[in-house]
Amino acid sequence: MTLELDAGELAALAALTRNRAPAGDHASGHDIRQQLSREGYSRRDAVLALRSLIARGLLERLRVDDAEGFFYTGYRLTRAGLALLGEYRSMQFPDFFALAPRIVVRDRLAELLGAAKEGVLEYGYADAVKLAGHSCPTVAAAYMLTLHALRALYPDALPERGGVRVEFAAPFDEGVTGVIASIVTLLTGAAQDGGFKGIAGHHARRNLQHFGCDVPLQIRFMRLDNGATVDAAADLSATSADPAMMPLLHACIAGRADPAQRRQFADLWQQRVRSIVVDHAEDKQMFRMVAAAQGN
């Protein structure tokens, strides 16, 4: 799909899927609003999100008659809504994956080769997880940092995948730099020396990532068409790990953890990831963006 939904709309979709009637394909408006209330959304937020989803063709409203002769207003997913949430259901991802911001980009190579209509591609946090094979603070921060950098570089248009050069302050083999670089490649198309060579001098992705560069923050993103540049850094200090997590991790690795402890560790681990991609999604202190003068 090519829709970019806000957090409230995605939360409403997730609330519907969690509260569907056992023998039906719908959820009551009351249950959806209650779920959203528990997640910090007001009644007005819930109403606006549901109205917007109906207008976008993702939900439909219906009258539901119960066995006692009463009726209530229910909501169910349309085919388009089912398609949007399908990846989460099939992969059984944590519910909060659907709440993380998504980004829509345009890839001219995808357009040329007929991979996507007008080259429009949409990515969500689940795509980053599938690429990395796991969900962790590093993957989450890399996804969010790149998303914010692309938004900053293309404030009034779809970001051009394949149209950005990326420079890292750290060497490629230092720490988790390689993991971060792979997520950056996913969203920007910028690759290292093993990337796509291009077609007749166009659409090259090779050598658009560079490492050990003299840049002021962690990563520099630069548009190839006009030189617009943003320096970016992530500071995850506001999302410290639960003190119980490390002892549980050691127990899991040593094979001493029982199933309940393993579930507890996984839940605590993903709670921190949720804090990064949902609770702090728009936190400008966590995801710092600084516009750089062209040519610096």
C-alpha atoms as a PDB file:
ATOM      1  CA  MET A   1       0.000   0.000   0.000  1.00  0.00           C
ATOM      2  CA  THR A   2       1.089   3.598  -0.457  1.00  0.00           C
ATOM      3  CA  LEU A   3      -0.715   5.138   2.509  1.00  0.00           C
ATOM      4  CA  GLU A   4       1.343   6.595   5.340  1.00  0.00           C
ATOM      5  CA  LEU A   5      -0.797   6.321   8.461  1.00  0.00           C
ATOM      6  CA  ASP A   6      -0.225   8.249  11.661  1.00  0.00           C
ATOM      7  CA  ALA A   7       0.276   6.571  15.021  1.00  0.00           C
ATOM      8  CA  GLY A   8      -3.372   6.999  16.037  1.00  0.00           C
ATOM      9  CA  GLU A   9      -4.658   5.337  12.890  1.00  0.00           C
ATOM     10  CA  LEU A  10      -2.249   2.417  13.244  1.00  0.00           C
ATOM     11  CA  ALA A  11      -3.171   2.076  16.919  1.00  0.00           C
ATOM     12  CA  ALA A  12      -6.851   1.907  15.964  1.00  0.00           C
ATOM     13  CA  LEU A  13      -6.155  -0.822  13.407  1.00  0.00           C
ATOM     14  CA  ALA A  14      -4.206  -2.807  15.967  1.00  0.00           C
ATOM     15  CA  ALA A  15      -6.957  -2.307  18.574  1.00  0.00           C
ATOM     16  CA  LEU A  16      -9.542  -3.676  16.155  1.00  0.00           C
ATOM     17  CA  THR A  17      -7.518  -6.814  15.462  1.00  0.00           C
ATOM     18  CA  ARG A  18      -7.009  -7.448  19.196  1.00  0.00           C
ATOM     19  CA  ASN A  19     -10.689  -7.011  20.051  1.00  0.00           C
ATOM     20  CA  ARG A  20     -12.507  -8.800  17.260  1.00  0.00           C
ATOM     21  CA  ALA A  21     -15.539 -10.845  18.299  1.00  0.00           C
ATOM     22  CA  PRO A  22     -14.685 -14.556  18.749  1.00  0.00           C
ATOM     23  CA  ALA A  23     -17.121 -15.638  16.040  1.00  0.00           C
ATOM     24  CA  GLY A  24     -16.919 -12.596  13.804  1.00  0.00           C
ATOM     25  CA  ASP A  25     -14.673 -10.357  11.768  1.00  0.00           C
ATOM     26  CA  HIS A  26     -15.516  -7.134  13.569  1.00  0.00           C
ATOM     27  CA  ALA A  27     -14.873  -5.330  16.871  1.00  0.00           C
ATOM     28  CA  SER A  28     -17.249  -3.049  18.688  1.00  0.00           C
ATOM     29  CA  GLY A  29     -16.540   0.651  18.728  1.00  0.00           C
ATOM     30  CA  HIS A  30     -16.648   0.520  22.533  1.00  0.00           C
ATOM     31  CA  ASP A  31     -13.933  -2.136  22.737  1.00  0.00           C
ATOM     32  CA  ILE A  32     -11.719  -0.262  20.276  1.00  0.00           C
ATOM     33  CA  ARG A  33     -12.068   2.993  22.228  1.00  0.00           C
ATOM     34  CA  GLN A  34     -11.345   1.199  25.514  1.00  0.00           C
ATOM     35  CA  GLN A  35      -8.209  -0.366  24.063  1.00  0.00           C
ATOM     36  CA  LEU A  36      -6.998   2.981  22.750  1.00  0.00           C
ATOM     37  CA  SER A  37      -7.755   4.607  26.100  1.00  0.00           C
ATOM     38  CA  ARG A  38      -5.495   2.076  27.823  1.00  0.00           C
ATOM     39  CA  GLU A  39      -2.756   3.082  25.386  1.00  0.00           C
ATOM     40  CA  GLY A  40      -3.117   6.780  26.207  1.00  0.00           C
ATOM     41  CA  TYR A  41      -5.445   7.974  23.437  1.00  0.00           C
ATOM     42  CA  SER A  42      -8.449  10.169  24.216  1.00  0.00           C
ATOM     43  CA  ARG A  43     -11.988   9.398  23.063  1.00  0.00           C
ATOM     44  CA  ARG A  44     -11.669  12.206  20.513  1.00  0.00           C
ATOM     45  CA  ASP A  45      -8.416  10.693  19.195  1.00  0.00           C
ATOM     46  CA  ALA A  46     -10.166   7.338  18.780  1.00  0.00           C
ATOM     47  CA  VAL A  47     -13.157   8.821  16.948  1.00  0.00           C
ATOM     48  CA  LEU A  48     -10.941  10.805  14.571  1.00  0.00           C
ATOM     49  CA  ALA A  49      -8.739   7.786  13.863  1.00  0.00           C
ATOM     50  CA  LEU A  50     -11.718   5.569  13.050  1.00  0.00           C
ATOM     51  CA  ARG A  51     -13.269   8.219  10.803  1.00  0.00           C
ATOM     52  CA  SER A  52      -9.989   8.656   8.972  1.00  0.00           C
ATOM     53  CA  LEU A  53      -9.559   4.914   8.455  1.00  0.00           C
ATOM     54  CA  ILE A  54     -13.067   4.691   7.012  1.00  0.00           C
ATOM     55  CA  ALA A  55     -12.328   7.604   4.672  1.00  0.00           C
ATOM     56  CA  ARG A  56      -9.124   5.867   3.543  1.00  0.00           C
ATOM     57  CA  GLY A  57     -11.032   2.706   2.723  1.00  0.00           C
ATOM     58  CA  LEU A  58      -9.332   0.587   5.390  1.00  0.00           C
ATOM     59  CA  LEU A  59     -12.323   0.123   7.699  1.00  0.00           C
ATOM     60  CA  GLU A  60     -16.076  -0.085   7.319  1.00  0.00           C
ATOM     61  CA  ARG A  61     -18.731   0.629   9.942  1.00  0.00           C
ATOM     62  CA  LEU A  62     -21.622  -1.775  10.424  1.00  0.00           C
ATOM     63  CA  ARG A  63     -24.639  -2.382  12.652  1.00  0.00           C
ATOM     64  CA  VAL A  64     -24.365  -5.568  14.712  1.00  0.00           C
ATOM     65  CA  ASP A  65     -27.466  -7.157  16.260  1.00  0.00           C
ATOM     66  CA  ASP A  66     -26.834  -9.297  19.329  1.00  0.00           C
ATOM     67  CA  ALA A  67     -28.747 -12.343  20.571  1.00  0.00           C
ATOM     68  CA  GLU A  68     -30.819 -10.265  23.001  1.00  0.00           C
ATOM     69  CA  GLY A  69     -32.229  -7.999  20.329  1.00  0.00           C
ATOM     70  CA  PHE A  70     -29.933  -5.057  20.996  1.00  0.00           C
ATOM     71  CA  PHE A  71     -27.504  -3.609  18.489  1.00  0.00           C
ATOM     72  CA  TYR A  72     -24.178  -1.807  18.572  1.00  0.00           C
ATOM     73  CA  THR A  73     -21.799  -0.179  16.106  1.00  0.00           C
ATOM     74  CA  GLY A  74     -18.981  -2.389  14.931  1.00  0.00           C
ATOM     75  CA  TYR A  75     -15.973  -1.922  12.686  1.00  0.00           C
ATOM     76  CA  ARG A  76     -14.225  -4.385  10.419  1.00  0.00           C
ATOM     77  CA  LEU A  77     -11.262  -4.318   8.095  1.00  0.00           C
ATOM     78  CA  THR A  78     -11.786  -3.941   4.372  1.00  0.00           C
ATOM     79  CA  ARG A  79      -9.661  -5.894   1.918  1.00  0.00           C
ATOM     80  CA  ALA A  80      -7.222  -2.980   1.845  1.00  0.00           C
ATOM     81  CA  GLY A  81      -7.062  -2.932   5.636  1.00  0.00           C
ATOM     82  CA  LEU A  82      -6.408  -6.649   5.761  1.00  0.00           C
ATOM     83  CA  ALA A  83      -3.580  -6.230   3.267  1.00  0.00           C
ATOM     84  CA  LEU A  84      -1.979  -3.540   5.415  1.00  0.00           C
ATOM     85  CA  LEU A  85      -1.968  -5.705   8.539  1.00  0.00           C
ATOM     86  CA  GLY A  86      -1.358  -9.011   6.771  1.00  0.00           C
ATOM     87  CA  GLU A  87       2.378  -9.044   7.330  1.00  0.00           C
ATOM     88  CA  TYR A  88       1.930  -8.698  11.078  1.00  0.00           C
ATOM     89  CA  ARG A  89      -0.603 -11.517  11.306  1.00  0.00           C
ATOM     90  CA  SER A  90       1.382 -13.927   9.156  1.00  0.00           C
ATOM     91  CA  MET A  91       4.683 -13.311  10.903  1.00  0.00           C
ATOM     92  CA  GLN A  92       3.112 -13.076  14.389  1.00  0.00           C
ATOM     93  CA  PHE A  93       5.042  -9.948  15.233  1.00  0.00           C
ATOM     94  CA  PRO A  94       4.435  -8.074  18.490  1.00  0.00           C
ATOM     95  CA  ASP A  95       1.415  -5.789  18.168  1.00  0.00           C
ATOM     96  CA  PHE A  96       3.467  -2.619  18.603  1.00  0.00           C
ATOM     97  CA  PHE A  97       5.225  -3.202  15.270  1.00  0.00           C
ATOM     98  CA  ALA A  98       2.023  -1.942  13.642  1.00  0.00           C
ATOM     99  CA  LEU A  99       2.230   1.269  15.685  1.00  0.00           C
ATOM    100  CA  ALA A 100       5.734   2.273  14.589  1.00  0.00           C
ATOM    101  CA  PRO A 101       5.906   5.004  11.932  1.00  0.00           C
ATOM    102  CA  ARG A 102       6.056   3.854   8.325  1.00  0.00           C
ATOM    103  CA  ILE A 103       7.717   5.594   5.406  1.00  0.00           C
ATOM    104  CA  VAL A 104       6.819   5.783   1.719  1.00  0.00           C
ATOM    105  CA  VAL A 105       9.627   6.338  -0.794  1.00  0.00           C
ATOM    106  CA  ARG A 106       9.975   6.473  -4.551  1.00  0.00           C
ATOM    107  CA  ASP A 107      12.523   4.210  -6.228  1.00  0.00           C
ATOM    108  CA  ARG A 108      13.121   5.110  -9.882  1.00  0.00           C
ATOM    109  CA  LEU A 109      14.790   1.770 -10.547  1.00  0.00           C
ATOM    110  CA  ALA A 110      11.735  -0.076  -9.236  1.00  0.00           C
ATOM    111  CA  GLU A 111       9.605   2.075 -11.526  1.00  0.00           C
ATOM    112  CA  LEU A 112      11.825   1.438 -14.557  1.00  0.00           C
ATOM    113  CA  LEU A 113      11.805  -2.330 -14.065  1.00  0.00           C
ATOM    114  CA  GLY A 114       8.099  -2.536 -13.271  1.00  0.00           C
ATOM    115  CA  ALA A 115       8.552  -3.678  -9.672  1.00  0.00           C
ATOM    116  CA  ALA A 116       6.209  -1.026  -8.251  1.00  0.00           C
ATOM    117  CA  LYS A 117       3.726   1.381  -9.817  1.00  0.00           C
ATOM    118  CA  GLU A 118       5.431   4.770 -10.182  1.00  0.00           C
ATOM    119  CA  GLY A 119       8.275   3.326  -8.097  1.00  0.00           C
ATOM    120  CA  VAL A 120       6.380   3.857  -4.853  1.00  0.00           C
ATOM    121  CA  LEU A 121       7.463   1.566  -2.012  1.00  0.00           C
ATOM    122  CA  GLU A 122       6.336   1.526   1.617  1.00  0.00           C
ATOM    123  CA  TYR A 123       8.427   0.287   4.531  1.00  0.00           C
ATOM    124  CA  GLY A 124       7.567  -0.433   8.142  1.00  0.00           C
ATOM    125  CA  TYR A 125       9.557  -1.512  11.157  1.00  0.00           C
ATOM    126  CA  ALA A 126       8.688  -5.152  10.394  1.00  0.00           C
ATOM    127  CA  ASP A 127      10.668  -4.856   7.146  1.00  0.00           C
ATOM    128  CA  ALA A 128      13.770  -3.842   9.095  1.00  0.00           C
ATOM    129  CA  VAL A 129      13.238  -6.747  11.488  1.00  0.00           C
ATOM    130  CA  LYS A 130      12.893  -9.225   8.632  1.00  0.00           C
ATOM    131  CA  LEU A 131      16.102  -7.913   7.079  1.00  0.00           C
ATOM    132  CA  ALA A 132      18.084  -8.087  10.327  1.00  0.00           C
ATOM    133  CA  GLY A 133      16.424 -11.278  11.530  1.00  0.00           C
ATOM    134  CA  HIS A 134      15.731  -9.784  14.957  1.00  0.00           C
ATOM    135  CA  SER A 135      14.288  -6.757  16.753  1.00  0.00           C
ATOM    136  CA  CYS A 136      16.653  -4.882  19.053  1.00  0.00           C
ATOM    137  CA  PRO A 137      17.463  -1.301  20.088  1.00  0.00           C
ATOM    138  CA  THR A 138      20.136  -1.050  17.376  1.00  0.00           C
ATOM    139  CA  VAL A 139      17.750  -2.056  14.585  1.00  0.00           C
ATOM    140  CA  ALA A 140      15.023   0.165  16.031  1.00  0.00           C
ATOM    141  CA  ALA A 141      17.292   3.205  16.314  1.00  0.00           C
ATOM    142  CA  ALA A 142      18.719   2.703  12.823  1.00  0.00           C
ATOM    143  CA  TYR A 143      15.215   2.473  11.356  1.00  0.00           C
ATOM    144  CA  MET A 144      13.929   5.562  13.169  1.00  0.00           C
ATOM    145  CA  LEU A 145      17.063   7.632  12.545  1.00  0.00           C
ATOM    146  CA  THR A 146      16.968   6.936   8.809  1.00  0.00           C
ATOM    147  CA  LEU A 147      13.237   7.614   8.643  1.00  0.00           C
ATOM    148  CA  HIS A 148      13.689  11.010  10.306  1.00  0.00           C
ATOM    149  CA  ALA A 149      16.672  11.869   8.095  1.00  0.00           C
ATOM    150  CA  LEU A 150      14.696  11.130   4.924  1.00  0.00           C
ATOM    151  CA  ARG A 151      11.781  13.199   6.193  1.00  0.00           C
ATOM    152  CA  ALA A 152      14.182  16.084   6.848  1.00  0.00           C
ATOM    153  CA  LEU A 153      15.797  15.816   3.406  1.00  0.00           C
ATOM    154  CA  TYR A 154      12.473  15.579   1.550  1.00  0.00           C
ATOM    155  CA  PRO A 155       9.993  17.713   3.530  1.00  0.00           C
ATOM    156  CA  ASP A 156       7.603  18.252   0.613  1.00  0.00           C
ATOM    157  CA  ALA A 157       8.031  15.140  -1.532  1.00  0.00           C
ATOM    158  CA  LEU A 158       8.507  11.396  -1.364  1.00  0.00           C
ATOM    159  CA  PRO A 159      12.124  10.543  -0.508  1.00  0.00           C
ATOM    160  CA  GLU A 160      14.071   9.241  -3.496  1.00  0.00           C
ATOM    161  CA  ARG A 161      15.393   5.775  -2.716  1.00  0.00           C
ATOM    162  CA  GLY A 162      18.760   5.579  -4.454  1.00  0.00           C
ATOM    163  CA  GLY A 163      19.153   9.341  -4.359  1.00  0.00           C
ATOM    164  CA  VAL A 164      21.064   9.687  -1.094  1.00  0.00           C
ATOM    165  CA  ARG A 165      24.740   9.351  -0.135  1.00  0.00           C
ATOM    166  CA  VAL A 166      25.433   8.208   3.441  1.00  0.00           C
ATOM    167  CA  GLU A 167      28.597   8.762   5.474  1.00  0.00           C
ATOM    168  CA  PHE A 168      29.260   7.082   8.830  1.00  0.00           C
ATOM    169  CA  ALA A 169      31.638   8.443  11.456  1.00  0.00           C
ATOM    170  CA  ALA A 170      32.546   4.920  12.601  1.00  0.00           C
ATOM    171  CA  PRO A 171      34.500   2.338  10.574  1.00  0.00           C
ATOM    172  CA  PHE A 172      32.371  -0.404   9.040  1.00  0.00           C
ATOM    173  CA  ASP A 173      33.715  -3.135  11.347  1.00  0.00           C
ATOM    174  CA  GLU A 174      33.322  -1.135  14.553  1.00  0.00           C
ATOM    175  CA  GLY A 175      30.602  -2.270  16.946  1.00  0.00           C
ATOM    176  CA  VAL A 176      27.160  -2.488  15.345  1.00  0.00           C
ATOM    177  CA  THR A 177      27.941  -0.134  12.452  1.00  0.00           C
ATOM    178  CA  GLY A 178      27.412  -2.889   9.882  1.00  0.00           C
ATOM    179  CA  VAL A 179      23.978  -3.703  11.262  1.00  0.00           C
ATOM    180  CA  ILE A 180      22.985  -0.044  11.172  1.00  0.00           C
ATOM    181  CA  ALA A 181      24.299   0.272   7.625  1.00  0.00           C
ATOM    182  CA  SER A 182      22.106  -2.603   6.440  1.00  0.00           C
ATOM    183  CA  ILE A 183      18.958  -0.875   7.730  1.00  0.00           C
ATOM    184  CA  VAL A 184      20.083   2.387   6.141  1.00  0.00           C
ATOM    185  CA  THR A 185      20.469   0.537   2.835  1.00  0.00           C
ATOM    186  CA  LEU A 186      16.952  -0.874   3.117  1.00  0.00           C
ATOM    187  CA  LEU A 187      15.340   2.567   3.339  1.00  0.00           C
ATOM    188  CA  THR A 188      17.713   4.698   1.254  1.00  0.00           C
ATOM    189  CA  GLY A 189      19.020   2.226  -1.331  1.00  0.00           C
ATOM    190  CA  ALA A 190      22.550   3.486  -0.623  1.00  0.00           C
ATOM    191  CA  ALA A 191      24.919   0.512  -0.728  1.00  0.00           C
ATOM    192  CA  GLN A 192      28.597  -0.268  -0.314  1.00  0.00           C
ATOM    193  CA  ASP A 193      30.986  -1.539  -2.988  1.00  0.00           C
ATOM    194  CA  GLY A 194      28.864  -4.643  -3.532  1.00  0.00           C
ATOM    195  CA  GLY A 195      25.774  -2.663  -4.487  1.00  0.00           C
ATOM    196  CA  PHE A 196      24.003  -2.412  -7.840  1.00  0.00           C
ATOM    197  CA  LYS A 197      26.241  -0.961 -10.553  1.00  0.00           C
ATOM    198  CA  GLY A 198      23.434   0.770 -12.417  1.00  0.00           C
ATOM    199  CA  ILE A 199      22.121   0.668 -15.964  1.00  0.00           C
ATOM    200  CA  ALA A 200      23.933   2.739 -18.580  1.00  0.00           C
ATOM    201  CA  GLY A 201      25.153   5.120 -15.902  1.00  0.00           C
ATOM    202  CA  HIS A 202      21.799   5.468 -14.163  1.00  0.00           C
ATOM    203  CA  HIS A 203      20.336   4.123 -10.900  1.00  0.00           C
ATOM    204  CA  ALA A 204      23.681   3.058  -9.423  1.00  0.00           C
ATOM    205  CA  ARG A 205      23.579   2.183  -5.722  1.00  0.00           C
ATOM    206  CA  ARG A 206      27.192   1.086  -5.374  1.00  0.00           C
ATOM    207  CA  ASN A 207      29.571   3.191  -3.257  1.00  0.00           C
ATOM    208  CA  LEU A 208      26.849   5.403  -1.798  1.00  0.00           C
ATOM    209  CA  GLN A 209      27.849   4.368   1.729  1.00  0.00           C
ATOM    210  CA  HIS A 210      31.185   5.421   3.221  1.00  0.00           C
ATOM    211  CA  PHE A 211      32.724   4.730   6.639  1.00  0.00           C
ATOM    212  CA  GLY A 212      35.238   6.322   8.986  1.00  0.00           C
ATOM    213  CA  CYS A 213      34.277   9.756   7.668  1.00  0.00           C
ATOM    214  CA  ASP A 214      34.919  13.140   9.246  1.00  0.00           C
ATOM    215  CA  VAL A 215      31.322  14.013  10.118  1.00  0.00           C
ATOM    216  CA  PRO A 216      30.104  15.783  13.288  1.00  0.00           C
ATOM    217  CA  LEU A 217      27.470  13.235  14.366  1.00  0.00           C
ATOM    218  CA  GLN A 218      26.973   9.501  13.846  1.00  0.00           C
ATOM    219  CA  ILE A 219      25.690   9.581  10.263  1.00  0.00           C
ATOM    220  CA  ARG A 220      25.477  12.147   7.460  1.00  0.00           C
ATOM    221  CA  PHE A 221      22.772  11.862   4.793  1.00  0.00           C
ATOM    222  CA  MET A 222      23.137  13.908   1.588  1.00  0.00           C
ATOM    223  CA  ARG A 223      20.813  14.239  -1.393  1.00  0.00           C
ATOM    224  CA  LEU A 224      22.582  13.621  -4.684  1.00  0.00           C
ATOM    225  CA  ASP A 225      20.342  15.946  -6.692  1.00  0.00           C
ATOM    226  CA  ASN A 226      20.727  19.183  -4.740  1.00  0.00           C
ATOM    227  CA  GLY A 227      23.331  18.535  -2.035  1.00  0.00           C
ATOM    228  CA  ALA A 228      20.937  19.044   0.874  1.00  0.00           C
ATOM    229  CA  THR A 229      22.545  17.463   3.915  1.00  0.00           C
ATOM    230  CA  VAL A 230      21.489  16.415   7.403  1.00  0.00           C
ATOM    231  CA  ASP A 231      23.684  15.076  10.190  1.00  0.00           C
ATOM    232  CA  ALA A 232      21.978  12.589  12.494  1.00  0.00           C
ATOM    233  CA  ALA A 233      22.547  10.818  15.796  1.00  0.00           C
ATOM    234  CA  ALA A 234      20.512   8.632  18.117  1.00  0.00           C
ATOM    235  CA  ASP A 235      20.707   8.873  21.913  1.00  0.00           C
ATOM    236  CA  LEU A 236      18.885   5.985  23.604  1.00  0.00           C
ATOM    237  CA  SER A 237      19.704   7.026  27.172  1.00  0.00           C
ATOM    238  CA  ALA A 238      16.024   7.780  27.838  1.00  0.00           C
ATOM    239  CA  THR A 239      15.168   4.106  27.277  1.00  0.00           C
ATOM    240  CA  SER A 240      17.387   2.261  29.729  1.00  0.00           C
ATOM    241  CA  ALA A 241      16.987  -1.502  30.046  1.00  0.00           C
ATOM    242  CA  ASP A 242      14.967  -3.058  32.862  1.00  0.00           C
ATOM    243  CA  PRO A 243      17.369  -4.233  35.643  1.00  0.00           C
ATOM    244  CA  ALA A 244      15.903  -7.747  35.449  1.00  0.00           C
ATOM    245  CA  MET A 245      16.816  -8.132  31.796  1.00  0.00           C
ATOM    246  CA  MET A 246      20.526  -8.954  32.003  1.00  0.00           C
ATOM    247  CA  PRO A 247      20.205 -11.734  34.640  1.00  0.00           C
ATOM    248  CA  LEU A 248      17.417 -13.237  32.549  1.00  0.00           C
ATOM    249  CA  LEU A 249      19.563 -13.001  29.399  1.00  0.00           C
ATOM    250  CA  HIS A 250      22.446 -14.815  31.124  1.00  0.00           C
ATOM    251  CA  ALA A 251      20.033 -17.509  32.285  1.00  0.00           C
ATOM    252  CA  CYS A 252      18.668 -17.934  28.757  1.00  0.00           C
ATOM    253  CA  ILE A 253      22.123 -18.189  27.202  1.00  0.00           C
ATOM    254  CA  ALA A 254      23.304 -20.654  29.851  1.00  0.00           C
ATOM    255  CA  GLY A 255      20.232 -22.828  29.306  1.00  0.00           C
ATOM    256  CA  ARG A 256      19.009 -22.360  32.897  1.00  0.00           C
ATOM    257  CA  ALA A 257      15.901 -20.292  32.083  1.00  0.00           C
ATOM    258  CA  ASP A 258      12.511 -21.966  32.163  1.00  0.00           C
ATOM    259  CA  PRO A 259       9.817 -21.087  29.565  1.00  0.00           C
ATOM    260  CA  ALA A 260       8.313 -18.389  31.796  1.00  0.00           C
ATOM    261  CA  GLN A 261      11.689 -16.713  32.260  1.00  0.00           C
ATOM    262  CA  ARG A 262      12.388 -16.843  28.541  1.00  0.00           C
ATOM    263  CA  ARG A 263       9.045 -15.177  27.843  1.00  0.00           C
ATOM    264  CA  GLN A 264       9.744 -12.570  30.515  1.00  0.00           C
ATOM    265  CA  PHE A 265      13.117 -11.753  28.968  1.00  0.00           C
ATOM    266  CA  ALA A 266      11.648 -11.458  25.470  1.00  0.00           C
ATOM    267  CA  ASP A 267       8.838  -9.213  26.757  1.00  0.00           C
ATOM    268  CA  LEU A 268      11.259  -6.911  28.591  1.00  0.00           C
ATOM    269  CA  TRP A 269      13.533  -6.764  25.538  1.00  0.00           C
ATOM    270  CA  GLN A 270      10.702  -5.791  23.223  1.00  0.00           C
ATOM    271  CA  GLN A 271       9.321  -3.287  25.741  1.00  0.00           C
ATOM    272  CA  ARG A 272      12.508  -1.290  25.285  1.00  0.00           C
ATOM    273  CA  VAL A 273      12.242  -1.559  21.507  1.00  0.00           C
ATOM    274  CA  ARG A 274       8.634  -0.345  21.694  1.00  0.00           C
ATOM    275  CA  SER A 275       9.793   2.643  23.710  1.00  0.00           C
ATOM    276  CA  ILE A 276      12.129   3.583  20.847  1.00  0.00           C
ATOM    277  CA  VAL A 277       9.826   3.103  17.844  1.00  0.00           C
ATOM    278  CA  VAL A 278       6.489   4.081  19.435  1.00  0.00           C
ATOM    279  CA  ASP A 279       6.794   6.032  22.686  1.00  0.00           C
ATOM    280  CA  HIS A 280       9.757   8.136  21.506  1.00  0.00           C
ATOM    281  CA  ALA A 281       9.010   7.995  17.787  1.00  0.00           C
ATOM    282  CA  GLU A 282       8.887  11.787  17.460  1.00  0.00           C
ATOM    283  CA  ASP A 283      11.441  12.566  20.182  1.00  0.00           C
ATOM    284  CA  LYS A 284      13.832  15.134  18.747  1.00  0.00           C
ATOM    285  CA  GLN A 285      16.290  14.618  21.594  1.00  0.00           C
ATOM    286  CA  MET A 286      16.478  10.895  20.992  1.00  0.00           C
ATOM    287  CA  PHE A 287      16.703  11.326  17.212  1.00  0.00           C
ATOM    288  CA  ARG A 288      18.780  14.425  16.619  1.00  0.00           C
ATOM    289  CA  MET A 289      18.777  16.017  13.163  1.00  0.00           C
ATOM    290  CA  VAL A 290      21.042  18.931  12.244  1.00  0.00           C
ATOM    291  CA  ALA A 291      20.904  20.503   8.790  1.00  0.00           C
ATOM    292  CA  ALA A 292      24.441  20.973   7.455  1.00  0.00           C
ATOM    293  CA  ALA A 293      25.627  23.683   5.121  1.00  0.00           C
ATOM    294  CA  GLN A 294      26.100  22.324   1.616  1.00  0.00           C
ATOM    295  CA  GLY A 295      29.716  21.659   0.784  1.00  0.00           C
ATOM    296  CA  ASN A 296      30.764  21.002   4.406  1.00  0.00           C
END
